[in-house]
Structure formats: C-alpha cells, structure tokens
C-alpha atoms as a PDB file:
ATOM      1  CA  MET A   1       0.000   0.000   0.000  1.00  0.00           C
ATOM      2  CA  ALA A   2       2.854   2.392   0.823  1.00  0.00           C
ATOM      3  CA  ASN A   3       4.496   1.793  -2.545  1.00  0.00           C
ATOM      4  CA  LEU A   4       1.237   2.356  -4.413  1.00  0.00           C
ATOM      5  CA  ASP A   5       0.749   5.547  -2.433  1.00  0.00           C
ATOM      6  CA  ALA A   6       4.289   6.613  -3.341  1.00  0.00           C
ATOM      7  CA  ALA A   7       3.751   5.859  -7.039  1.00  0.00           C
ATOM      8  CA  PHE A   8       0.583   7.927  -7.383  1.00  0.00           C
ATOM      9  CA  ALA A   9       1.899  10.667  -5.077  1.00  0.00           C
ATOM     10  CA  SER A  10       5.006  10.902  -7.270  1.00  0.00           C
ATOM     11  CA  ALA A  11       2.808  11.185 -10.369  1.00  0.00           C
ATOM     12  CA  PHE A  12       0.768  13.923  -8.701  1.00  0.00           C
ATOM     13  CA  ALA A  13       3.856  15.844  -7.577  1.00  0.00           C
ATOM     14  CA  THR A  14       5.444  15.584 -11.035  1.00  0.00           C
ATOM     15  CA  LEU A  15       2.399  17.049 -12.777  1.00  0.00           C
ATOM     16  CA  TYR A  16       2.214  19.950 -10.314  1.00  0.00           C
ATOM     17  CA  SER A  17       5.890  20.887 -10.217  1.00  0.00           C
ATOM     18  CA  GLY A  18       9.092  21.158 -12.206  1.00  0.00           C
ATOM     19  CA  ALA A  19       8.947  21.908 -15.909  1.00  0.00           C
ATOM     20  CA  LEU A  20       5.154  21.997 -16.025  1.00  0.00           C
ATOM     21  CA  ILE A  21       4.924  24.693 -13.354  1.00  0.00           C
ATOM     22  CA  VAL A  22       7.688  26.623 -15.117  1.00  0.00           C
ATOM     23  CA  GLY A  23       5.673  26.282 -18.330  1.00  0.00           C
ATOM     24  CA  LEU A  24       2.570  27.628 -16.601  1.00  0.00           C
ATOM     25  CA  ILE A  25       4.479  30.636 -15.259  1.00  0.00           C
ATOM     26  CA  GLN A  26       5.789  31.356 -18.745  1.00  0.00           C
ATOM     27  CA  HIS A  27       2.285  30.953 -20.165  1.00  0.00           C
ATOM     28  CA  LEU A  28       1.104  33.564 -17.658  1.00  0.00           C
ATOM     29  CA  LYS A  29       3.948  35.899 -18.761  1.00  0.00           C
ATOM     30  CA  GLY A  30       5.736  35.548 -15.430  1.00  0.00           C
ATOM     31  CA  ASN A  31       9.408  36.499 -15.242  1.00  0.00           C
ATOM     32  CA  GLU A  32      12.346  35.095 -13.243  1.00  0.00           C
ATOM     33  CA  PHE A  33      10.996  36.695 -10.073  1.00  0.00           C
ATOM     34  CA  TRP A  34       7.954  34.404 -10.135  1.00  0.00           C
ATOM     35  CA  LEU A  35      10.118  31.394 -10.949  1.00  0.00           C
ATOM     36  CA  GLY A  36      12.212  32.270  -7.909  1.00  0.00           C
ATOM     37  CA  MET A  37       9.138  32.647  -5.707  1.00  0.00           C
ATOM     38  CA  VAL A  38       7.797  29.226  -6.675  1.00  0.00           C
ATOM     39  CA  ALA A  39      11.213  27.665  -6.011  1.00  0.00           C
ATOM     40  CA  ALA A  40      12.232  29.606  -2.907  1.00  0.00           C
ATOM     41  CA  LEU A  41       9.093  29.714  -0.775  1.00  0.00           C
ATOM     42  CA  PRO A  42       8.517  25.920  -0.629  1.00  0.00           C
ATOM     43  CA  ALA A  43      12.227  25.439   0.141  1.00  0.00           C
ATOM     44  CA  PHE A  44      12.120  28.061   2.900  1.00  0.00           C
ATOM     45  CA  LEU A  45       9.031  26.401   4.362  1.00  0.00           C
ATOM     46  CA  GLY A  46      11.182  23.341   4.983  1.00  0.00           C
ATOM     47  CA  LEU A  47      11.918  25.001   8.337  1.00  0.00           C
ATOM     48  CA  LEU A  48       8.395  23.948   9.340  1.00  0.00           C
ATOM     49  CA  GLN A  49       9.718  20.417   9.713  1.00  0.00           C
ATOM     50  CA  LEU A  50      11.186  21.478  13.074  1.00  0.00           C
ATOM     51  CA  PRO A  51       7.886  22.423  14.779  1.00  0.00           C
ATOM     52  CA  GLY A  52       6.186  19.662  12.760  1.00  0.00           C
ATOM     53  CA  ALA A  53       8.409  17.000  14.297  1.00  0.00           C
ATOM     54  CA  ALA A  54       7.637  18.314  17.788  1.00  0.00           C
ATOM     55  CA  TRP A  55       3.919  18.596  17.050  1.00  0.00           C
ATOM     56  CA  ALA A  56       3.800  15.000  15.792  1.00  0.00           C
ATOM     57  CA  ARG A  57       5.019  13.737  19.163  1.00  0.00           C
ATOM     58  CA  SER A  58       1.844  15.047  20.805  1.00  0.00           C
ATOM     59  CA  ILE A  59      -0.441  12.935  18.568  1.00  0.00           C
ATOM     60  CA  PRO A  60      -0.589   9.146  19.049  1.00  0.00           C
ATOM     61  CA  SER A  61      -1.614   8.106  15.514  1.00  0.00           C
ATOM     62  CA  PHE A  62       1.027   8.394  12.808  1.00  0.00           C
ATOM     63  CA  ARG A  63      -1.520   7.871  10.052  1.00  0.00           C
ATOM     64  CA  ALA A  64      -3.920  10.528  11.346  1.00  0.00           C
ATOM     65  CA  PHE A  65      -1.230  13.201  11.649  1.00  0.00           C
ATOM     66  CA  SER A  66       0.523  12.400   8.367  1.00  0.00           C
ATOM     67  CA  GLY A  67      -2.757  11.911   6.544  1.00  0.00           C
ATOM     68  CA  THR A  68      -4.127  15.298   7.518  1.00  0.00           C
ATOM     69  CA  GLY A  69      -1.068  17.110   6.244  1.00  0.00           C
ATOM     70  CA  GLY A  70      -0.890  14.927   3.149  1.00  0.00           C
ATOM     71  CA  LEU A  71      -4.520  15.659   2.313  1.00  0.00           C
ATOM     72  CA  ILE A  72      -3.982  19.413   2.668  1.00  0.00           C
ATOM     73  CA  TRP A  73      -0.836  19.146   0.516  1.00  0.00           C
ATOM     74  CA  ARG A  74      -2.895  17.618  -2.282  1.00  0.00           C
ATOM     75  CA  LEU A  75      -5.996  19.785  -1.954  1.00  0.00           C
ATOM     76  CA  ALA A  76      -3.947  23.010  -1.920  1.00  0.00           C
ATOM     77  CA  HIS A  77      -2.939  22.322  -5.535  1.00  0.00           C
ATOM     78  CA  PHE A  78      -6.436  21.585  -6.845  1.00  0.00           C
ATOM     79  CA  PRO A  79      -7.291  25.279  -7.546  1.00  0.00           C
ATOM     80  CA  LEU A  80      -4.592  25.176 -10.236  1.00  0.00           C
ATOM     81  CA  ILE A  81      -6.959  23.050 -12.340  1.00  0.00           C
ATOM     82  CA  ALA A  82      -9.170  26.064 -13.038  1.00  0.00           C
ATOM     83  CA  LEU A  83      -6.429  28.692 -12.782  1.00  0.00           C
ATOM     84  CA  PRO A  84      -5.367  28.811 -16.479  1.00  0.00           C
ATOM     85  CA  LEU A  85      -8.975  29.418 -17.579  1.00  0.00           C
ATOM     86  CA  LEU A  86      -9.925  32.025 -14.955  1.00  0.00           C
ATOM     87  CA  PRO A  87     -11.023  35.377 -16.456  1.00  0.00           C
ATOM     88  CA  VAL A  88      -8.598  37.416 -14.321  1.00  0.00           C
ATOM     89  CA  ALA A  89      -5.309  39.203 -14.937  1.00  0.00           C
ATOM     90  CA  ASN A  90      -2.142  37.116 -15.226  1.00  0.00           C
ATOM     91  CA  GLU A  91      -0.633  38.897 -12.201  1.00  0.00           C
ATOM     92  CA  ALA A  92      -3.524  37.677 -10.051  1.00  0.00           C
ATOM     93  CA  LYS A  93      -3.122  34.156 -11.408  1.00  0.00           C
ATOM     94  CA  LEU A  94       0.565  34.193 -10.517  1.00  0.00           C
ATOM     95  CA  VAL A  95      -0.223  35.263  -6.946  1.00  0.00           C
ATOM     96  CA  ILE A  96      -2.767  32.431  -6.653  1.00  0.00           C
ATOM     97  CA  LEU A  97      -0.216  29.988  -8.075  1.00  0.00           C
ATOM     98  CA  VAL A  98       2.452  30.934  -5.532  1.00  0.00           C
ATOM     99  CA  ALA A  99      -0.093  30.843  -2.692  1.00  0.00           C
ATOM    100  CA  CYS A 100      -1.325  27.346  -3.621  1.00  0.00           C
ATOM    101  CA  VAL A 101       2.148  25.901  -4.065  1.00  0.00           C
ATOM    102  CA  SER A 102       3.337  27.457  -0.787  1.00  0.00           C
ATOM    103  CA  ALA A 103       0.290  26.271   1.195  1.00  0.00           C
ATOM    104  CA  GLY A 104       0.752  22.744  -0.100  1.00  0.00           C
ATOM    105  CA  ALA A 105       4.468  22.805   0.670  1.00  0.00           C
ATOM    106  CA  ALA A 106       3.815  24.034   4.214  1.00  0.00           C
ATOM    107  CA  ALA A 107       1.412  21.178   4.945  1.00  0.00           C
ATOM    108  CA  GLY A 108       3.741  18.600   3.442  1.00  0.00           C
ATOM    109  CA  GLN A 109       6.793  19.849   5.311  1.00  0.00           C
ATOM    110  CA  ILE A 110       5.010  19.840   8.673  1.00  0.00           C
ATOM    111  CA  VAL A 111       4.135  16.134   8.453  1.00  0.00           C
ATOM    112  CA  GLY A 112       7.197  15.001   6.480  1.00  0.00           C
ATOM    113  CA  PRO A 113       9.321  13.884   9.458  1.00  0.00           C
ATOM    114  CA  SER A 114       6.393  12.035  11.020  1.00  0.00           C
ATOM    115  CA  TYR A 115       5.634  10.220   7.766  1.00  0.00           C
ATOM    116  CA  ASN A 116       9.242   9.076   7.404  1.00  0.00           C
ATOM    117  CA  GLU A 117       9.317   7.921  11.028  1.00  0.00           C
ATOM    118  CA  TRP A 118       6.094   5.991  10.429  1.00  0.00           C
ATOM    119  CA  LEU A 119       7.606   4.187   7.429  1.00  0.00           C
ATOM    120  CA  GLY A 120      10.670   3.399   9.516  1.00  0.00           C
ATOM    121  CA  ARG A 121       8.465   1.711  12.110  1.00  0.00           C
ATOM    122  CA  LEU A 122       6.448  -0.230   9.533  1.00  0.00           C
ATOM    123  CA  ILE A 123       9.497  -1.673   7.773  1.00  0.00           C
ATOM    124  CA  PRO A 124      11.672  -4.169   9.695  1.00  0.00           C
ATOM    125  CA  GLU A 125      15.188  -2.862  10.260  1.00  0.00           C
ATOM    126  CA  ASN A 126      16.851  -5.628   8.229  1.00  0.00           C
ATOM    127  CA  ALA A 127      14.628  -4.844   5.201  1.00  0.00           C
ATOM    128  CA  ARG A 128      14.730  -1.037   5.149  1.00  0.00           C
ATOM    129  CA  GLY A 129      17.549  -0.740   2.622  1.00  0.00           C
ATOM    130  CA  TRP A 130      15.767  -3.065   0.204  1.00  0.00           C
ATOM    131  CA  TYR A 131      12.382  -1.431   0.779  1.00  0.00           C
ATOM    132  CA  PHE A 132      13.475   2.182   0.358  1.00  0.00           C
ATOM    133  CA  SER A 133      15.537   1.340  -2.731  1.00  0.00           C
ATOM    134  CA  GLN A 134      12.440  -0.257  -4.279  1.00  0.00           C
ATOM    135  CA  ARG A 135      10.309   2.702  -3.213  1.00  0.00           C
ATOM    136  CA  THR A 136      12.736   5.171  -4.778  1.00  0.00           C
ATOM    137  CA  LEU A 137      12.865   3.104  -7.975  1.00  0.00           C
ATOM    138  CA  ILE A 138       9.066   2.999  -8.254  1.00  0.00           C
ATOM    139  CA  ALA A 139       8.696   6.728  -7.574  1.00  0.00           C
ATOM    140  CA  SER A 140      11.471   7.632 -10.045  1.00  0.00           C
ATOM    141  CA  ILE A 141      10.105   5.511 -12.891  1.00  0.00           C
ATOM    142  CA  THR A 142       6.568   6.752 -12.294  1.00  0.00           C
ATOM    143  CA  GLY A 143       7.666  10.378 -12.129  1.00  0.00           C
ATOM    144  CA  ASN A 144       9.688  10.097 -15.353  1.00  0.00           C
ATOM    145  CA  ILE A 145       6.888   8.426 -17.312  1.00  0.00           C
ATOM    146  CA  VAL A 146       4.190  10.780 -16.077  1.00  0.00           C
ATOM    147  CA  GLY A 147       6.428  13.794 -16.641  1.00  0.00           C
ATOM    148  CA  MET A 148       7.003  12.817 -20.275  1.00  0.00           C
ATOM    149  CA  VAL A 149       3.283  12.190 -20.801  1.00  0.00           C
ATOM    150  CA  GLY A 150       2.474  15.605 -19.332  1.00  0.00           C
ATOM    151  CA  GLY A 151       5.084  17.283 -21.525  1.00  0.00           C
ATOM    152  CA  LEU A 152       3.795  15.576 -24.684  1.00  0.00           C
ATOM    153  CA  MET A 153       0.226  16.560 -23.813  1.00  0.00           C
ATOM    154  CA  LEU A 154       1.251  20.178 -23.345  1.00  0.00           C
ATOM    155  CA  ASP A 155       3.143  20.224 -26.659  1.00  0.00           C
ATOM    156  CA  LEU A 156       0.067  18.826 -28.386  1.00  0.00           C
ATOM    157  CA  PHE A 157      -2.268  21.455 -26.946  1.00  0.00           C
ATOM    158  CA  ARG A 158       0.233  24.196 -27.806  1.00  0.00           C
ATOM    159  CA  ARG A 159       0.127  23.118 -31.441  1.00  0.00           C
ATOM    160  CA  TRP A 160      -3.660  23.391 -31.250  1.00  0.00           C
ATOM    161  CA  ASP A 161      -3.305  26.855 -29.661  1.00  0.00           C
ATOM    162  CA  GLN A 162      -5.126  25.553 -26.553  1.00  0.00           C
ATOM    163  CA  GLU A 163      -2.311  25.749 -24.022  1.00  0.00           C
ATOM    164  CA  ALA A 164      -4.540  26.898 -21.134  1.00  0.00           C
ATOM    165  CA  LEU A 165      -6.876  23.951 -21.655  1.00  0.00           C
ATOM    166  CA  GLY A 166      -3.862  21.662 -21.800  1.00  0.00           C
ATOM    167  CA  PHE A 167      -2.696  22.784 -18.369  1.00  0.00           C
ATOM    168  CA  THR A 168      -6.195  22.251 -16.980  1.00  0.00           C
ATOM    169  CA  LEU A 169      -6.343  18.673 -18.299  1.00  0.00           C
ATOM    170  CA  ILE A 170      -2.815  17.902 -17.070  1.00  0.00           C
ATOM    171  CA  PHE A 171      -3.641  19.185 -13.581  1.00  0.00           C
ATOM    172  CA  SER A 172      -6.892  17.204 -13.648  1.00  0.00           C
ATOM    173  CA  LEU A 173      -4.873  14.062 -14.322  1.00  0.00           C
ATOM    174  CA  GLY A 174      -2.609  15.021 -11.430  1.00  0.00           C
ATOM    175  CA  ALA A 175      -5.624  15.458  -9.155  1.00  0.00           C
ATOM    176  CA  ALA A 176      -6.856  11.972 -10.072  1.00  0.00           C
ATOM    177  CA  CYS A 177      -3.437  10.582  -9.115  1.00  0.00           C
ATOM    178  CA  ALA A 178      -3.651  12.491  -5.808  1.00  0.00           C
ATOM    179  CA  VAL A 179      -7.018  10.893  -5.000  1.00  0.00           C
ATOM    180  CA  LEU A 180      -5.716   7.392  -5.795  1.00  0.00           C
ATOM    181  CA  SER A 181      -2.658   8.082  -3.676  1.00  0.00           C
ATOM    182  CA  MET A 182      -4.812   8.944  -0.649  1.00  0.00           C
ATOM    183  CA  VAL A 183      -6.921   5.819  -1.172  1.00  0.00           C
ATOM    184  CA  PHE A 184      -3.832   3.641  -0.781  1.00  0.00           C
ATOM    185  CA  PHE A 185      -2.449   5.860   1.976  1.00  0.00           C
ATOM    186  CA  TRP A 186      -5.462   5.234   4.226  1.00  0.00           C
ATOM    187  CA  ARG A 187      -5.110   1.482   3.660  1.00  0.00           C
ATOM    188  CA  MET A 188      -1.641   1.470   5.209  1.00  0.00           C
ATOM    189  CA  SER A 189      -1.361  -0.033   8.687  1.00  0.00           C
ATOM    190  CA  ASP A 190      -1.461   2.606  11.400  1.00  0.00           C
ATOM    191  CA  THR A 191       1.148   2.802  14.131  1.00  0.00           C
ATOM    192  CA  VAL A 192       0.567   4.408  17.521  1.00  0.00           C
ATOM    193  CA  ARG A 193       3.185   6.148  19.635  1.00  0.00           C
ATOM    194  CA  GLU A 194       3.840   4.447  22.939  1.00  0.00           C
ATOM    195  CA  GLU A 195       4.384   7.826  24.629  1.00  0.00           C
ATOM    196  CA  THR A 196       3.305  11.320  23.637  1.00  0.00           C
ATOM    197  CA  SER A 197       4.631  14.682  24.785  1.00  0.00           C
ATOM    198  CA  LYS A 198       2.995  18.077  25.081  1.00  0.00           C
ATOM    199  CA  PHE A 199       3.517  20.384  22.107  1.00  0.00           C
ATOM    200  CA  ASP A 200       5.108  23.644  23.235  1.00  0.00           C
ATOM    201  CA  LEU A 201       8.140  25.822  22.550  1.00  0.00           C
ATOM    202  CA  ARG A 202      10.357  23.671  24.758  1.00  0.00           C
ATOM    203  CA  SER A 203       9.569  20.567  22.701  1.00  0.00           C
ATOM    204  CA  ILE A 204      10.593  22.433  19.539  1.00  0.00           C
ATOM    205  CA  PHE A 205      13.842  23.516  21.205  1.00  0.00           C
ATOM    206  CA  ASP A 206      14.590  19.950  22.314  1.00  0.00           C
ATOM    207  CA  THR A 207      13.907  18.673  18.777  1.00  0.00           C
ATOM    208  CA  VAL A 208      16.590  21.002  17.433  1.00  0.00           C
ATOM    209  CA  ARG A 209      19.090  20.765  20.285  1.00  0.00           C
ATOM    210  CA  THR A 210      19.426  16.982  20.547  1.00  0.00           C
ATOM    211  CA  PRO A 211      20.795  16.201  17.043  1.00  0.00           C
ATOM    212  CA  MET A 212      22.887  19.390  16.986  1.00  0.00           C
ATOM    213  CA  ARG A 213      25.026  17.890  19.766  1.00  0.00           C
ATOM    214  CA  ASP A 214      26.251  15.262  17.301  1.00  0.00           C
ATOM    215  CA  ARG A 215      29.394  16.327  15.419  1.00  0.00           C
ATOM    216  CA  ASN A 216      28.660  14.134  12.397  1.00  0.00           C
ATOM    217  CA  PHE A 217      25.150  15.563  12.139  1.00  0.00           C
ATOM    218  CA  ARG A 218      26.553  19.099  12.116  1.00  0.00           C
ATOM    219  CA  ARG A 219      28.899  18.125   9.270  1.00  0.00           C
ATOM    220  CA  ILE A 220      26.021  16.677   7.263  1.00  0.00           C
ATOM    221  CA  LEU A 221      23.936  19.781   7.955  1.00  0.00           C
ATOM    222  CA  LEU A 222      26.732  22.040   6.671  1.00  0.00           C
ATOM    223  CA  PHE A 223      27.158  19.953   3.530  1.00  0.00           C
ATOM    224  CA  VAL A 224      23.413  19.888   2.780  1.00  0.00           C
ATOM    225  CA  SER A 225      23.128  23.637   3.411  1.00  0.00           C
ATOM    226  CA  LEU A 226      25.934  24.511   0.975  1.00  0.00           C
ATOM    227  CA  PHE A 227      24.651  22.020  -1.584  1.00  0.00           C
ATOM    228  CA  ALA A 228      21.083  23.340  -1.453  1.00  0.00           C
ATOM    229  CA  ALA A 229      22.202  26.980  -1.451  1.00  0.00           C
ATOM    230  CA  SER A 230      24.341  26.546  -4.569  1.00  0.00           C
ATOM    231  CA  GLN A 231      21.575  24.756  -6.446  1.00  0.00           C
ATOM    232  CA  GLY A 232      18.952  27.251  -5.354  1.00  0.00           C
ATOM    233  CA  PHE A 233      21.073  30.236  -6.362  1.00  0.00           C
ATOM    234  CA  ALA A 234      21.746  29.007  -9.892  1.00  0.00           C
ATOM    235  CA  GLY A 235      18.701  26.797 -10.442  1.00  0.00           C
ATOM    236  CA  ASN A 236      16.350  29.229 -12.145  1.00  0.00           C
END
C-alpha cells in the first residue's frame, strides 16, 4: 500500500511541479521573479519540519497526523486546475499559483518527518535498505513516465493553440493521481506512539538541540546547506 501511495503521489507531484509549473508561469507571462518565488518559498518552508516534528510527538496516531497534512498538501494544488482558464489578470493568477504551491508545501513539510518515522516503524530494520531502494525506484520511474506524458500533452495542446486547456487537463490528471494516492495511503497499517509529549516551545527547542550535539550531524547539515544553497542560487 505504501508503494502504491508513493507511485501515485510521485505522479501527482510531477504534474504539479518542475517543468510543467515553469511552463505555466511562462504561459502567464511571469518572469524570473515568479520562478524564484515558486522555487524559494517551498524550500524556505522546509523550516516547518522542526515544529512539525515536535507537534507530531503530541499525537498518538502516525496515520492521522501524516494523513491530515498529506490531504492538505494535495488539496492546496487543486485550484490550479481552473487557474489557467480564470477570467482574471495574469498577475492575479501568478499570486494564486504561488499561494497554492506554498500552502501545499507548508502542509507537506510539517508532516514530512512524522511520515518518514512511520515508514521506519512499519518496515523491519533488516529490510529497510531493500524497501526504500524499491520505493525510490518505483517513484522515479513513475515520475519520469508521467512527466514525459504531461510534456507531450502540453506540446500537443500548444500546437492546437489551446495551451490553457492543456494545463487544466494535465492538472486534472494530477488530481486523479492524488485521489488514488490517498486511497492507498489510508489502507496502510497505522502505528501508535507508545508515549506522547505536550507540544510547546520547549519541545521544539529539544527537537533542534538533541541532534545538533552530534558532530557528524553538524557536518552533514553544513554539507546539505551549501549544496542546497548553490543549487537554489543558480537553479532558475
């Protein structure tokens, strides 16, 4: 069930991100500023994983907490289905686009650590390497295939001079994948925390402080920070 969820979630994410979102921004006459907004705000919202990890510890059910955030992540993108055809100025459409993408990213980042911890508990320790390699393979293949299909669809509708309609149909396909993903998500076995803790500022501080005491973690954090900063700076 988790792999089927991952496959359809990867298809959904592919159709609502990357080259297709860049294509939509260009279709709406957006410049590099809007490309930067769509790239930077979701990345910046990754900081929400810190309070999200602390918040998750106050809720017993992994599936309930992760599922709520995952549902909001998907639903936040659904307005993009109608966005290309709305009879409003392109500037307004670009603001709506950034708002939807950012809202979805915020919800996904908040529950991300909890979801990964849940998978870690579901998969036996001696099978995690095999499982996550298979999961990555499935998600990668699905994302590549769906991405090419979306690109070919968009090229076809551009030749017909119906680019806006093409985006709407592509996002509709992505929404269908999101629904199927949630169907399989809710069929995954739930896991309950043995102990919960109150969600407050101290719990957030403890979440950050504990791993920062580890020298190897600090080295990894520095490497990831420089790596992400260099990509983000030159990416657009």
